Amino acid sequence: MSHRIDIVLAYHHAVVRSGLRLLLERVGDFTVLAATADVEGARECVRAHSPDVLVLDLDQPTGSADEAIRMLVEEFPATRLVAMSSRRDSGFVRSAIAAGVTAYVPNTATADELTLSIRRAAAGRSTLTQPSDPSSPGQPSAAGPQELSTREVEVLGMIAMGYTNVEIGRRLARSVRTVETHRSHLRRKLECPKRAELVEYAFEHGIGRLRT
Protein backbone atom coordinates (compact mmCIF):
# COMPACT_ATOMS: atom_id res chain seq x y z
CA MET A 1 0.00 0.00 0.00
CA SER A 2 1.26 3.48 -0.87
CA HIS A 3 2.54 5.83 1.80
CA ARG A 4 -0.06 8.41 2.74
CA ILE A 5 0.54 11.91 1.38
CA ASP A 6 -0.68 14.70 3.67
CA ILE A 7 -1.76 17.88 1.90
CA VAL A 8 -2.70 21.45 2.78
CA LEU A 9 -4.63 23.32 0.09
CA ALA A 10 -4.60 27.12 -0.27
CA TYR A 11 -6.84 28.54 -2.99
CA HIS A 12 -8.52 31.94 -2.87
CA HIS A 13 -11.69 31.02 -4.82
CA ALA A 14 -13.97 29.20 -2.39
CA VAL A 15 -15.83 27.16 -5.03
CA VAL A 16 -12.61 26.04 -6.73
CA ARG A 17 -11.06 25.28 -3.36
CA SER A 18 -13.99 23.04 -2.42
CA GLY A 19 -13.84 21.27 -5.77
CA LEU A 20 -10.10 20.66 -5.52
CA ARG A 21 -10.48 19.35 -2.00
CA LEU A 22 -13.12 16.85 -3.10
CA LEU A 23 -10.97 15.80 -6.05
CA LEU A 24 -7.86 15.24 -3.93
CA GLU A 25 -9.73 13.45 -1.14
CA ARG A 26 -10.93 10.87 -3.66
CA VAL A 27 -7.33 9.78 -4.25
CA GLY A 28 -6.79 6.81 -1.99
CA ASP A 29 -3.43 7.75 -0.47
CA PHE A 30 -4.08 11.53 -0.27
CA THR A 31 -5.28 13.19 2.92
CA VAL A 32 -6.26 16.87 2.81
CA LEU A 33 -5.54 18.05 6.34
CA ALA A 34 -6.77 21.60 5.85
CA ALA A 35 -7.96 24.04 3.20
CA THR A 36 -7.61 27.79 3.37
CA ALA A 37 -7.96 30.87 1.19
CA ASP A 38 -4.68 32.76 1.34
CA VAL A 39 -0.96 32.70 2.04
CA GLU A 40 -1.28 33.64 5.70
CA GLY A 41 -3.85 30.88 6.19
CA ALA A 42 -1.52 28.47 4.38
CA ARG A 43 1.29 29.46 6.72
CA GLU A 44 -0.83 28.77 9.80
CA CYS A 45 -2.09 25.44 8.44
CA VAL A 46 1.36 24.21 7.46
CA ARG A 47 2.70 25.20 10.86
CA ALA A 48 -0.12 23.30 12.57
CA HIS A 49 -0.12 20.15 10.41
CA SER A 50 3.38 19.79 8.85
CA PRO A 51 2.03 18.34 5.58
CA ASP A 52 4.09 16.63 2.92
CA VAL A 53 2.77 18.99 0.25
CA LEU A 54 1.25 22.47 0.14
CA VAL A 55 -0.85 23.14 -2.98
CA LEU A 56 -0.77 26.92 -3.34
CA ASP A 57 -2.75 29.18 -5.66
CA LEU A 58 -0.35 31.86 -6.93
CA ASP A 59 -3.16 34.06 -8.29
CA GLN A 60 -3.68 35.71 -4.94
CA PRO A 61 -5.41 39.12 -5.08
CA THR A 62 -2.74 40.73 -2.88
CA GLY A 63 0.98 40.30 -2.27
CA SER A 64 3.87 39.01 -4.34
CA ALA A 65 3.83 35.36 -5.41
CA ASP A 66 7.64 35.17 -5.29
CA GLU A 67 7.78 36.63 -1.78
CA ALA A 68 5.13 34.19 -0.60
CA ILE A 69 7.00 31.23 -2.11
CA ARG A 70 10.33 32.24 -0.58
CA MET A 71 8.75 32.79 2.84
CA LEU A 72 7.01 29.42 2.83
CA VAL A 73 10.03 27.50 1.50
CA GLU A 74 12.33 29.10 4.06
CA GLU A 75 9.96 28.58 6.99
CA PHE A 76 8.83 25.06 6.05
CA PRO A 77 11.66 23.35 4.14
CA ALA A 78 10.22 19.86 4.72
CA THR A 79 6.94 20.72 2.97
CA ARG A 80 7.05 20.59 -0.82
CA LEU A 81 5.26 23.37 -2.65
CA VAL A 82 3.04 22.67 -5.66
CA ALA A 83 2.06 25.97 -7.26
CA MET A 84 -1.05 26.50 -9.38
CA SER A 85 -1.77 29.52 -11.54
CA SER A 86 -3.69 30.78 -14.55
CA ARG A 87 -0.54 32.60 -15.65
CA ARG A 88 1.15 31.08 -18.71
CA ASP A 89 3.99 33.48 -19.48
CA SER A 90 7.40 31.90 -19.19
CA GLY A 91 8.85 34.74 -17.09
CA PHE A 92 6.29 34.14 -14.34
CA VAL A 93 6.96 30.40 -14.37
CA ARG A 94 10.73 30.93 -14.33
CA SER A 95 10.40 33.25 -11.37
CA ALA A 96 8.28 30.75 -9.43
CA ILE A 97 10.81 27.98 -10.06
CA ALA A 98 13.68 30.20 -8.96
CA ALA A 99 11.75 31.17 -5.80
CA GLY A 100 11.55 27.51 -4.79
CA VAL A 101 8.40 25.72 -5.97
CA THR A 102 8.82 21.98 -6.42
CA ALA A 103 6.11 21.74 -9.06
CA TYR A 104 4.25 24.20 -11.26
CA VAL A 105 0.78 23.22 -12.50
CA PRO A 106 -1.36 25.51 -14.68
CA ASN A 107 -5.06 25.78 -13.87
CA THR A 108 -5.76 24.10 -17.22
CA ALA A 109 -4.04 20.88 -16.09
CA THR A 110 -6.02 17.66 -15.85
CA ALA A 111 -6.82 15.98 -12.55
CA ASP A 112 -4.31 13.24 -13.39
CA GLU A 113 -1.57 15.80 -14.05
CA LEU A 114 -2.22 17.55 -10.73
CA THR A 115 -2.28 14.22 -8.89
CA LEU A 116 0.97 13.09 -10.47
CA SER A 117 2.63 16.43 -9.72
CA ILE A 118 1.67 16.10 -6.06
CA ARG A 119 3.02 12.54 -5.90
CA ARG A 120 6.30 13.59 -7.48
CA ALA A 121 6.59 16.63 -5.22
CA ALA A 122 6.06 14.47 -2.14
CA ALA A 123 8.92 12.29 -3.38
CA GLY A 124 11.14 15.36 -3.79
CA ARG A 125 11.00 15.46 -7.58
CA SER A 126 10.25 18.64 -9.47
CA THR A 127 7.62 18.79 -12.18
CA LEU A 128 6.72 21.42 -14.71
CA THR A 129 3.41 20.72 -16.41
CA GLN A 130 3.11 22.55 -19.70
CA PRO A 131 -0.03 24.66 -20.21
CA SER A 132 -2.30 23.33 -22.93
CA ASP A 133 -2.27 26.70 -24.66
CA PRO A 134 0.96 28.52 -23.79
CA SER A 135 1.15 32.20 -24.65
CA SER A 136 4.35 34.10 -25.12
CA PRO A 137 7.26 31.67 -25.57
CA GLY A 138 9.73 34.24 -24.26
CA GLN A 139 13.13 34.93 -25.73
CA PRO A 140 14.49 32.20 -28.01
CA SER A 141 17.52 30.29 -26.79
CA ALA A 142 20.71 29.86 -28.77
CA ALA A 143 19.67 26.42 -30.03
CA GLY A 144 16.35 24.85 -30.91
CA PRO A 145 15.32 21.28 -30.01
CA GLN A 146 16.17 20.18 -33.54
CA GLU A 147 19.81 21.09 -32.86
CA LEU A 148 20.03 18.73 -29.88
CA SER A 149 20.90 15.09 -30.20
CA THR A 150 18.29 12.47 -29.34
CA ARG A 151 20.21 11.65 -26.16
CA GLU A 152 20.43 15.30 -25.16
CA VAL A 153 16.66 15.67 -25.56
CA GLU A 154 16.17 12.57 -23.38
CA VAL A 155 18.48 13.96 -20.69
CA LEU A 156 16.82 17.39 -20.83
CA GLY A 157 13.39 15.81 -20.43
CA MET A 158 14.53 13.87 -17.37
CA ILE A 159 16.09 17.01 -15.87
CA ALA A 160 12.74 18.78 -16.35
CA MET A 161 10.96 15.91 -14.60
CA GLY A 162 13.24 16.18 -11.59
CA TYR A 163 15.55 13.19 -12.01
CA THR A 164 19.05 13.39 -10.56
CA ASN A 165 22.17 12.59 -12.58
CA VAL A 166 22.37 9.20 -10.87
CA GLU A 167 18.75 8.38 -11.73
CA ILE A 168 19.20 9.54 -15.33
CA GLY A 169 22.31 7.41 -15.68
CA ARG A 170 20.49 4.38 -14.30
CA ARG A 171 17.56 4.85 -16.67
CA LEU A 172 19.79 5.33 -19.71
CA ALA A 173 22.33 2.69 -18.65
CA ARG A 174 25.08 5.30 -18.75
CA SER A 175 27.63 6.47 -16.20
CA VAL A 176 27.01 9.57 -14.09
CA ARG A 177 30.03 11.12 -15.79
CA THR A 178 28.40 10.66 -19.20
CA VAL A 179 25.19 12.26 -17.93
CA GLU A 180 27.19 15.19 -16.55
CA THR A 181 28.80 15.60 -19.98
CA HIS A 182 25.37 15.71 -21.66
CA ARG A 183 24.22 18.23 -19.07
CA SER A 184 27.27 20.39 -19.75
CA HIS A 185 26.57 20.28 -23.50
CA LEU A 186 22.97 21.30 -22.88
CA ARG A 187 24.01 24.27 -20.75
CA ARG A 188 26.42 25.42 -23.45
CA LYS A 189 24.15 24.86 -26.45
CA LEU A 190 21.07 26.40 -24.86
CA GLU A 191 22.95 29.12 -22.97
CA CYS A 192 21.17 27.99 -19.81
CA PRO A 193 23.77 27.79 -17.03
CA LYS A 194 21.23 27.14 -14.26
CA ARG A 195 18.97 24.14 -13.75
CA ALA A 196 15.88 26.38 -13.55
CA GLU A 197 16.71 27.75 -16.99
CA LEU A 198 17.03 24.24 -18.44
CA VAL A 199 13.67 23.33 -16.89
CA GLU A 200 12.07 26.45 -18.35
CA TYR A 201 13.51 25.69 -21.80
CA ALA A 202 12.01 22.21 -21.60
CA PHE A 203 8.70 23.78 -20.50
CA GLU A 204 8.65 26.15 -23.48
CA HIS A 205 9.34 23.37 -25.98
CA GLY A 206 7.16 20.62 -24.50
CA ILE A 207 10.10 18.41 -23.53
CA GLY A 208 9.47 16.17 -20.53
CA ARG A 209 5.83 17.15 -20.23
CA LEU A 210 3.71 14.95 -18.00
CA ARG A 211 1.39 12.68 -19.96
CA THR A 212 -1.68 10.88 -18.72
C-alpha atoms as a PDB file:
ATOM      1  CA  MET A   1       0.000   0.000   0.000  1.00  0.00           C
ATOM      2  CA  SER A   2       1.265   3.482  -0.868  1.00  0.00           C
ATOM      3  CA  HIS A   3       2.541   5.829   1.798  1.00  0.00           C
ATOM      4  CA  ARG A   4      -0.064   8.409   2.738  1.00  0.00           C
ATOM      5  CA  ILE A   5       0.541  11.913   1.383  1.00  0.00           C
ATOM      6  CA  ASP A   6      -0.678  14.698   3.670  1.00  0.00           C
ATOM      7  CA  ILE A   7      -1.758  17.880   1.901  1.00  0.00           C
ATOM      8  CA  VAL A   8      -2.700  21.451   2.784  1.00  0.00           C
ATOM      9  CA  LEU A   9      -4.630  23.319   0.092  1.00  0.00           C
ATOM     10  CA  ALA A  10      -4.602  27.116  -0.273  1.00  0.00           C
ATOM     11  CA  TYR A  11      -6.840  28.542  -2.993  1.00  0.00           C
ATOM     12  CA  HIS A  12      -8.522  31.939  -2.867  1.00  0.00           C
ATOM     13  CA  HIS A  13     -11.693  31.022  -4.818  1.00  0.00           C
ATOM     14  CA  ALA A  14     -13.972  29.195  -2.387  1.00  0.00           C
ATOM     15  CA  VAL A  15     -15.827  27.157  -5.026  1.00  0.00           C
ATOM     16  CA  VAL A  16     -12.613  26.036  -6.728  1.00  0.00           C
ATOM     17  CA  ARG A  17     -11.056  25.278  -3.356  1.00  0.00           C
ATOM     18  CA  SER A  18     -13.989  23.040  -2.418  1.00  0.00           C
ATOM     19  CA  GLY A  19     -13.838  21.268  -5.770  1.00  0.00           C
ATOM     20  CA  LEU A  20     -10.100  20.662  -5.524  1.00  0.00           C
ATOM     21  CA  ARG A  21     -10.475  19.350  -1.997  1.00  0.00           C
ATOM     22  CA  LEU A  22     -13.123  16.853  -3.100  1.00  0.00           C
ATOM     23  CA  LEU A  23     -10.971  15.800  -6.049  1.00  0.00           C
ATOM     24  CA  LEU A  24      -7.864  15.239  -3.928  1.00  0.00           C
ATOM     25  CA  GLU A  25      -9.733  13.452  -1.141  1.00  0.00           C
ATOM     26  CA  ARG A  26     -10.934  10.869  -3.658  1.00  0.00           C
ATOM     27  CA  VAL A  27      -7.335   9.784  -4.249  1.00  0.00           C
ATOM     28  CA  GLY A  28      -6.786   6.812  -1.991  1.00  0.00           C
ATOM     29  CA  ASP A  29      -3.429   7.752  -0.469  1.00  0.00           C
ATOM     30  CA  PHE A  30      -4.083  11.529  -0.273  1.00  0.00           C
ATOM     31  CA  THR A  31      -5.284  13.193   2.917  1.00  0.00           C
ATOM     32  CA  VAL A  32      -6.258  16.874   2.809  1.00  0.00           C
ATOM     33  CA  LEU A  33      -5.536  18.048   6.340  1.00  0.00           C
ATOM     34  CA  ALA A  34      -6.767  21.604   5.850  1.00  0.00           C
ATOM     35  CA  ALA A  35      -7.959  24.043   3.195  1.00  0.00           C
ATOM     36  CA  THR A  36      -7.605  27.792   3.372  1.00  0.00           C
ATOM     37  CA  ALA A  37      -7.956  30.874   1.190  1.00  0.00           C
ATOM     38  CA  ASP A  38      -4.679  32.762   1.337  1.00  0.00           C
ATOM     39  CA  VAL A  39      -0.957  32.699   2.037  1.00  0.00           C
ATOM     40  CA  GLU A  40      -1.281  33.638   5.704  1.00  0.00           C
ATOM     41  CA  GLY A  41      -3.848  30.884   6.185  1.00  0.00           C
ATOM     42  CA  ALA A  42      -1.519  28.473   4.384  1.00  0.00           C
ATOM     43  CA  ARG A  43       1.290  29.464   6.716  1.00  0.00           C
ATOM     44  CA  GLU A  44      -0.832  28.767   9.799  1.00  0.00           C
ATOM     45  CA  CYS A  45      -2.090  25.439   8.441  1.00  0.00           C
ATOM     46  CA  VAL A  46       1.361  24.211   7.456  1.00  0.00           C
ATOM     47  CA  ARG A  47       2.702  25.200  10.863  1.00  0.00           C
ATOM     48  CA  ALA A  48      -0.123  23.301  12.566  1.00  0.00           C
ATOM     49  CA  HIS A  49      -0.120  20.152  10.406  1.00  0.00           C
ATOM     50  CA  SER A  50       3.383  19.789   8.849  1.00  0.00           C
ATOM     51  CA  PRO A  51       2.033  18.340   5.578  1.00  0.00           C
ATOM     52  CA  ASP A  52       4.094  16.627   2.919  1.00  0.00           C
ATOM     53  CA  VAL A  53       2.768  18.992   0.253  1.00  0.00           C
ATOM     54  CA  LEU A  54       1.245  22.472   0.138  1.00  0.00           C
ATOM     55  CA  VAL A  55      -0.847  23.136  -2.983  1.00  0.00           C
ATOM     56  CA  LEU A  56      -0.772  26.922  -3.343  1.00  0.00           C
ATOM     57  CA  ASP A  57      -2.751  29.177  -5.660  1.00  0.00           C
ATOM     58  CA  LEU A  58      -0.346  31.856  -6.932  1.00  0.00           C
ATOM     59  CA  ASP A  59      -3.156  34.061  -8.290  1.00  0.00           C
ATOM     60  CA  GLN A  60      -3.678  35.712  -4.936  1.00  0.00           C
ATOM     61  CA  PRO A  61      -5.406  39.123  -5.078  1.00  0.00           C
ATOM     62  CA  THR A  62      -2.743  40.727  -2.879  1.00  0.00           C
ATOM     63  CA  GLY A  63       0.977  40.301  -2.275  1.00  0.00           C
ATOM     64  CA  SER A  64       3.867  39.009  -4.341  1.00  0.00           C
ATOM     65  CA  ALA A  65       3.833  35.360  -5.409  1.00  0.00           C
ATOM     66  CA  ASP A  66       7.641  35.170  -5.287  1.00  0.00           C
ATOM     67  CA  GLU A  67       7.783  36.627  -1.784  1.00  0.00           C
ATOM     68  CA  ALA A  68       5.128  34.187  -0.600  1.00  0.00           C
ATOM     69  CA  ILE A  69       6.995  31.233  -2.112  1.00  0.00           C
ATOM     70  CA  ARG A  70      10.327  32.241  -0.577  1.00  0.00           C
ATOM     71  CA  MET A  71       8.750  32.795   2.838  1.00  0.00           C
ATOM     72  CA  LEU A  72       7.012  29.422   2.828  1.00  0.00           C
ATOM     73  CA  VAL A  73      10.026  27.503   1.502  1.00  0.00           C
ATOM     74  CA  GLU A  74      12.325  29.103   4.060  1.00  0.00           C
ATOM     75  CA  GLU A  75       9.965  28.582   6.995  1.00  0.00           C
ATOM     76  CA  PHE A  76       8.831  25.064   6.051  1.00  0.00           C
ATOM     77  CA  PRO A  77      11.661  23.350   4.139  1.00  0.00           C
ATOM     78  CA  ALA A  78      10.223  19.864   4.721  1.00  0.00           C
ATOM     79  CA  THR A  79       6.939  20.725   2.971  1.00  0.00           C
ATOM     80  CA  ARG A  80       7.048  20.589  -0.823  1.00  0.00           C
ATOM     81  CA  LEU A  81       5.263  23.370  -2.650  1.00  0.00           C
ATOM     82  CA  VAL A  82       3.037  22.670  -5.659  1.00  0.00           C
ATOM     83  CA  ALA A  83       2.063  25.971  -7.260  1.00  0.00           C
ATOM     84  CA  MET A  84      -1.049  26.500  -9.377  1.00  0.00           C
ATOM     85  CA  SER A  85      -1.772  29.521 -11.539  1.00  0.00           C
ATOM     86  CA  SER A  86      -3.694  30.782 -14.551  1.00  0.00           C
ATOM     87  CA  ARG A  87      -0.538  32.595 -15.650  1.00  0.00           C
ATOM     88  CA  ARG A  88       1.152  31.078 -18.707  1.00  0.00           C
ATOM     89  CA  ASP A  89       3.990  33.479 -19.478  1.00  0.00           C
ATOM     90  CA  SER A  90       7.405  31.899 -19.186  1.00  0.00           C
ATOM     91  CA  GLY A  91       8.849  34.735 -17.093  1.00  0.00           C
ATOM     92  CA  PHE A  92       6.294  34.137 -14.337  1.00  0.00           C
ATOM     93  CA  VAL A  93       6.956  30.400 -14.369  1.00  0.00           C
ATOM     94  CA  ARG A  94      10.729  30.925 -14.332  1.00  0.00           C
ATOM     95  CA  SER A  95      10.403  33.246 -11.368  1.00  0.00           C
ATOM     96  CA  ALA A  96       8.279  30.750  -9.433  1.00  0.00           C
ATOM     97  CA  ILE A  97      10.806  27.985 -10.057  1.00  0.00           C
ATOM     98  CA  ALA A  98      13.677  30.205  -8.956  1.00  0.00           C
ATOM     99  CA  ALA A  99      11.751  31.166  -5.804  1.00  0.00           C
ATOM    100  CA  GLY A 100      11.553  27.507  -4.791  1.00  0.00           C
ATOM    101  CA  VAL A 101       8.402  25.721  -5.966  1.00  0.00           C
ATOM    102  CA  THR A 102       8.819  21.977  -6.415  1.00  0.00           C
ATOM    103  CA  ALA A 103       6.107  21.735  -9.057  1.00  0.00           C
ATOM    104  CA  TYR A 104       4.249  24.203 -11.261  1.00  0.00           C
ATOM    105  CA  VAL A 105       0.783  23.216 -12.496  1.00  0.00           C
ATOM    106  CA  PRO A 106      -1.363  25.505 -14.685  1.00  0.00           C
ATOM    107  CA  ASN A 107      -5.058  25.781 -13.875  1.00  0.00           C
ATOM    108  CA  THR A 108      -5.759  24.097 -17.218  1.00  0.00           C
ATOM    109  CA  ALA A 109      -4.045  20.882 -16.088  1.00  0.00           C
ATOM    110  CA  THR A 110      -6.022  17.662 -15.853  1.00  0.00           C
ATOM    111  CA  ALA A 111      -6.823  15.977 -12.554  1.00  0.00           C
ATOM    112  CA  ASP A 112      -4.311  13.244 -13.386  1.00  0.00           C
ATOM    113  CA  GLU A 113      -1.569  15.802 -14.052  1.00  0.00           C
ATOM    114  CA  LEU A 114      -2.221  17.547 -10.732  1.00  0.00           C
ATOM    115  CA  THR A 115      -2.285  14.222  -8.888  1.00  0.00           C
ATOM    116  CA  LEU A 116       0.966  13.089 -10.467  1.00  0.00           C
ATOM    117  CA  SER A 117       2.628  16.431  -9.723  1.00  0.00           C
ATOM    118  CA  ILE A 118       1.671  16.101  -6.059  1.00  0.00           C
ATOM    119  CA  ARG A 119       3.024  12.544  -5.905  1.00  0.00           C
ATOM    120  CA  ARG A 120       6.305  13.590  -7.479  1.00  0.00           C
ATOM    121  CA  ALA A 121       6.594  16.634  -5.221  1.00  0.00           C
ATOM    122  CA  ALA A 122       6.056  14.474  -2.136  1.00  0.00           C
ATOM    123  CA  ALA A 123       8.918  12.287  -3.375  1.00  0.00           C
ATOM    124  CA  GLY A 124      11.135  15.360  -3.789  1.00  0.00           C
ATOM    125  CA  ARG A 125      11.002  15.455  -7.581  1.00  0.00           C
ATOM    126  CA  SER A 126      10.251  18.636  -9.467  1.00  0.00           C
ATOM    127  CA  THR A 127       7.615  18.787 -12.180  1.00  0.00           C
ATOM    128  CA  LEU A 128       6.722  21.421 -14.713  1.00  0.00           C
ATOM    129  CA  THR A 129       3.408  20.719 -16.414  1.00  0.00           C
ATOM    130  CA  GLN A 130       3.111  22.545 -19.704  1.00  0.00           C
ATOM    131  CA  PRO A 131      -0.032  24.656 -20.209  1.00  0.00           C
ATOM    132  CA  SER A 132      -2.303  23.325 -22.926  1.00  0.00           C
ATOM    133  CA  ASP A 133      -2.274  26.702 -24.664  1.00  0.00           C
ATOM    134  CA  PRO A 134       0.961  28.521 -23.785  1.00  0.00           C
ATOM    135  CA  SER A 135       1.147  32.196 -24.646  1.00  0.00           C
ATOM    136  CA  SER A 136       4.346  34.095 -25.120  1.00  0.00           C
ATOM    137  CA  PRO A 137       7.261  31.674 -25.570  1.00  0.00           C
ATOM    138  CA  GLY A 138       9.729  34.236 -24.259  1.00  0.00           C
ATOM    139  CA  GLN A 139      13.132  34.930 -25.728  1.00  0.00           C
ATOM    140  CA  PRO A 140      14.494  32.197 -28.008  1.00  0.00           C
ATOM    141  CA  SER A 141      17.518  30.289 -26.792  1.00  0.00           C
ATOM    142  CA  ALA A 142      20.710  29.860 -28.773  1.00  0.00           C
ATOM    143  CA  ALA A 143      19.671  26.422 -30.034  1.00  0.00           C
ATOM    144  CA  GLY A 144      16.352  24.849 -30.906  1.00  0.00           C
ATOM    145  CA  PRO A 145      15.319  21.284 -30.005  1.00  0.00           C
ATOM    146  CA  GLN A 146      16.169  20.180 -33.542  1.00  0.00           C
ATOM    147  CA  GLU A 147      19.808  21.089 -32.862  1.00  0.00           C
ATOM    148  CA  LEU A 148      20.026  18.734 -29.880  1.00  0.00           C
ATOM    149  CA  SER A 149      20.904  15.091 -30.202  1.00  0.00           C
ATOM    150  CA  THR A 150      18.293  12.471 -29.336  1.00  0.00           C
ATOM    151  CA  ARG A 151      20.212  11.646 -26.164  1.00  0.00           C
ATOM    152  CA  GLU A 152      20.433  15.301 -25.157  1.00  0.00           C
ATOM    153  CA  VAL A 153      16.661  15.667 -25.556  1.00  0.00           C
ATOM    154  CA  GLU A 154      16.166  12.565 -23.376  1.00  0.00           C
ATOM    155  CA  VAL A 155      18.477  13.956 -20.685  1.00  0.00           C
ATOM    156  CA  LEU A 156      16.815  17.389 -20.831  1.00  0.00           C
ATOM    157  CA  GLY A 157      13.391  15.807 -20.425  1.00  0.00           C
ATOM    158  CA  MET A 158      14.526  13.869 -17.366  1.00  0.00           C
ATOM    159  CA  ILE A 159      16.089  17.010 -15.868  1.00  0.00           C
ATOM    160  CA  ALA A 160      12.743  18.784 -16.348  1.00  0.00           C
ATOM    161  CA  MET A 161      10.956  15.910 -14.597  1.00  0.00           C
ATOM    162  CA  GLY A 162      13.241  16.176 -11.587  1.00  0.00           C
ATOM    163  CA  TYR A 163      15.553  13.190 -12.009  1.00  0.00           C
ATOM    164  CA  THR A 164      19.047  13.385 -10.564  1.00  0.00           C
ATOM    165  CA  ASN A 165      22.174  12.588 -12.576  1.00  0.00           C
ATOM    166  CA  VAL A 166      22.372   9.203 -10.867  1.00  0.00           C
ATOM    167  CA  GLU A 167      18.746   8.382 -11.728  1.00  0.00           C
ATOM    168  CA  ILE A 168      19.202   9.544 -15.328  1.00  0.00           C
ATOM    169  CA  GLY A 169      22.313   7.413 -15.684  1.00  0.00           C
ATOM    170  CA  ARG A 170      20.493   4.379 -14.303  1.00  0.00           C
ATOM    171  CA  ARG A 171      17.557   4.847 -16.672  1.00  0.00           C
ATOM    172  CA  LEU A 172      19.789   5.335 -19.710  1.00  0.00           C
ATOM    173  CA  ALA A 173      22.325   2.691 -18.652  1.00  0.00           C
ATOM    174  CA  ARG A 174      25.079   5.299 -18.745  1.00  0.00           C
ATOM    175  CA  SER A 175      27.626   6.474 -16.195  1.00  0.00           C
ATOM    176  CA  VAL A 176      27.012   9.571 -14.093  1.00  0.00           C
ATOM    177  CA  ARG A 177      30.032  11.119 -15.788  1.00  0.00           C
ATOM    178  CA  THR A 178      28.397  10.660 -19.205  1.00  0.00           C
ATOM    179  CA  VAL A 179      25.186  12.259 -17.929  1.00  0.00           C
ATOM    180  CA  GLU A 180      27.187  15.194 -16.552  1.00  0.00           C
ATOM    181  CA  THR A 181      28.801  15.598 -19.978  1.00  0.00           C
ATOM    182  CA  HIS A 182      25.372  15.710 -21.657  1.00  0.00           C
ATOM    183  CA  ARG A 183      24.223  18.227 -19.075  1.00  0.00           C
ATOM    184  CA  SER A 184      27.274  20.393 -19.752  1.00  0.00           C
ATOM    185  CA  HIS A 185      26.574  20.277 -23.499  1.00  0.00           C
ATOM    186  CA  LEU A 186      22.968  21.304 -22.882  1.00  0.00           C
ATOM    187  CA  ARG A 187      24.006  24.270 -20.749  1.00  0.00           C
ATOM    188  CA  ARG A 188      26.417  25.421 -23.446  1.00  0.00           C
ATOM    189  CA  LYS A 189      24.152  24.862 -26.453  1.00  0.00           C
ATOM    190  CA  LEU A 190      21.067  26.396 -24.857  1.00  0.00           C
ATOM    191  CA  GLU A 191      22.946  29.117 -22.970  1.00  0.00           C
ATOM    192  CA  CYS A 192      21.168  27.994 -19.810  1.00  0.00           C
ATOM    193  CA  PRO A 193      23.770  27.790 -17.032  1.00  0.00           C
ATOM    194  CA  LYS A 194      21.228  27.141 -14.264  1.00  0.00           C
ATOM    195  CA  ARG A 195      18.971  24.140 -13.754  1.00  0.00           C
ATOM    196  CA  ALA A 196      15.875  26.377 -13.553  1.00  0.00           C
ATOM    197  CA  GLU A 197      16.714  27.753 -16.995  1.00  0.00           C
ATOM    198  CA  LEU A 198      17.031  24.240 -18.438  1.00  0.00           C
ATOM    199  CA  VAL A 199      13.675  23.334 -16.894  1.00  0.00           C
ATOM    200  CA  GLU A 200      12.073  26.452 -18.348  1.00  0.00           C
ATOM    201  CA  TYR A 201      13.508  25.693 -21.795  1.00  0.00           C
ATOM    202  CA  ALA A 202      12.009  22.212 -21.604  1.00  0.00           C
ATOM    203  CA  PHE A 203       8.703  23.781 -20.502  1.00  0.00           C
ATOM    204  CA  GLU A 204       8.651  26.146 -23.480  1.00  0.00           C
ATOM    205  CA  HIS A 205       9.340  23.371 -25.978  1.00  0.00           C
ATOM    206  CA  GLY A 206       7.155  20.620 -24.503  1.00  0.00           C
ATOM    207  CA  ILE A 207      10.096  18.411 -23.532  1.00  0.00           C
ATOM    208  CA  GLY A 208       9.475  16.173 -20.525  1.00  0.00           C
ATOM    209  CA  ARG A 209       5.832  17.150 -20.231  1.00  0.00           C
ATOM    210  CA  LEU A 210       3.711  14.945 -17.998  1.00  0.00           C
ATOM    211  CA  ARG A 211       1.391  12.678 -19.965  1.00  0.00           C
ATOM    212  CA  THR A 212      -1.676  10.879 -18.723  1.00  0.00           C
END
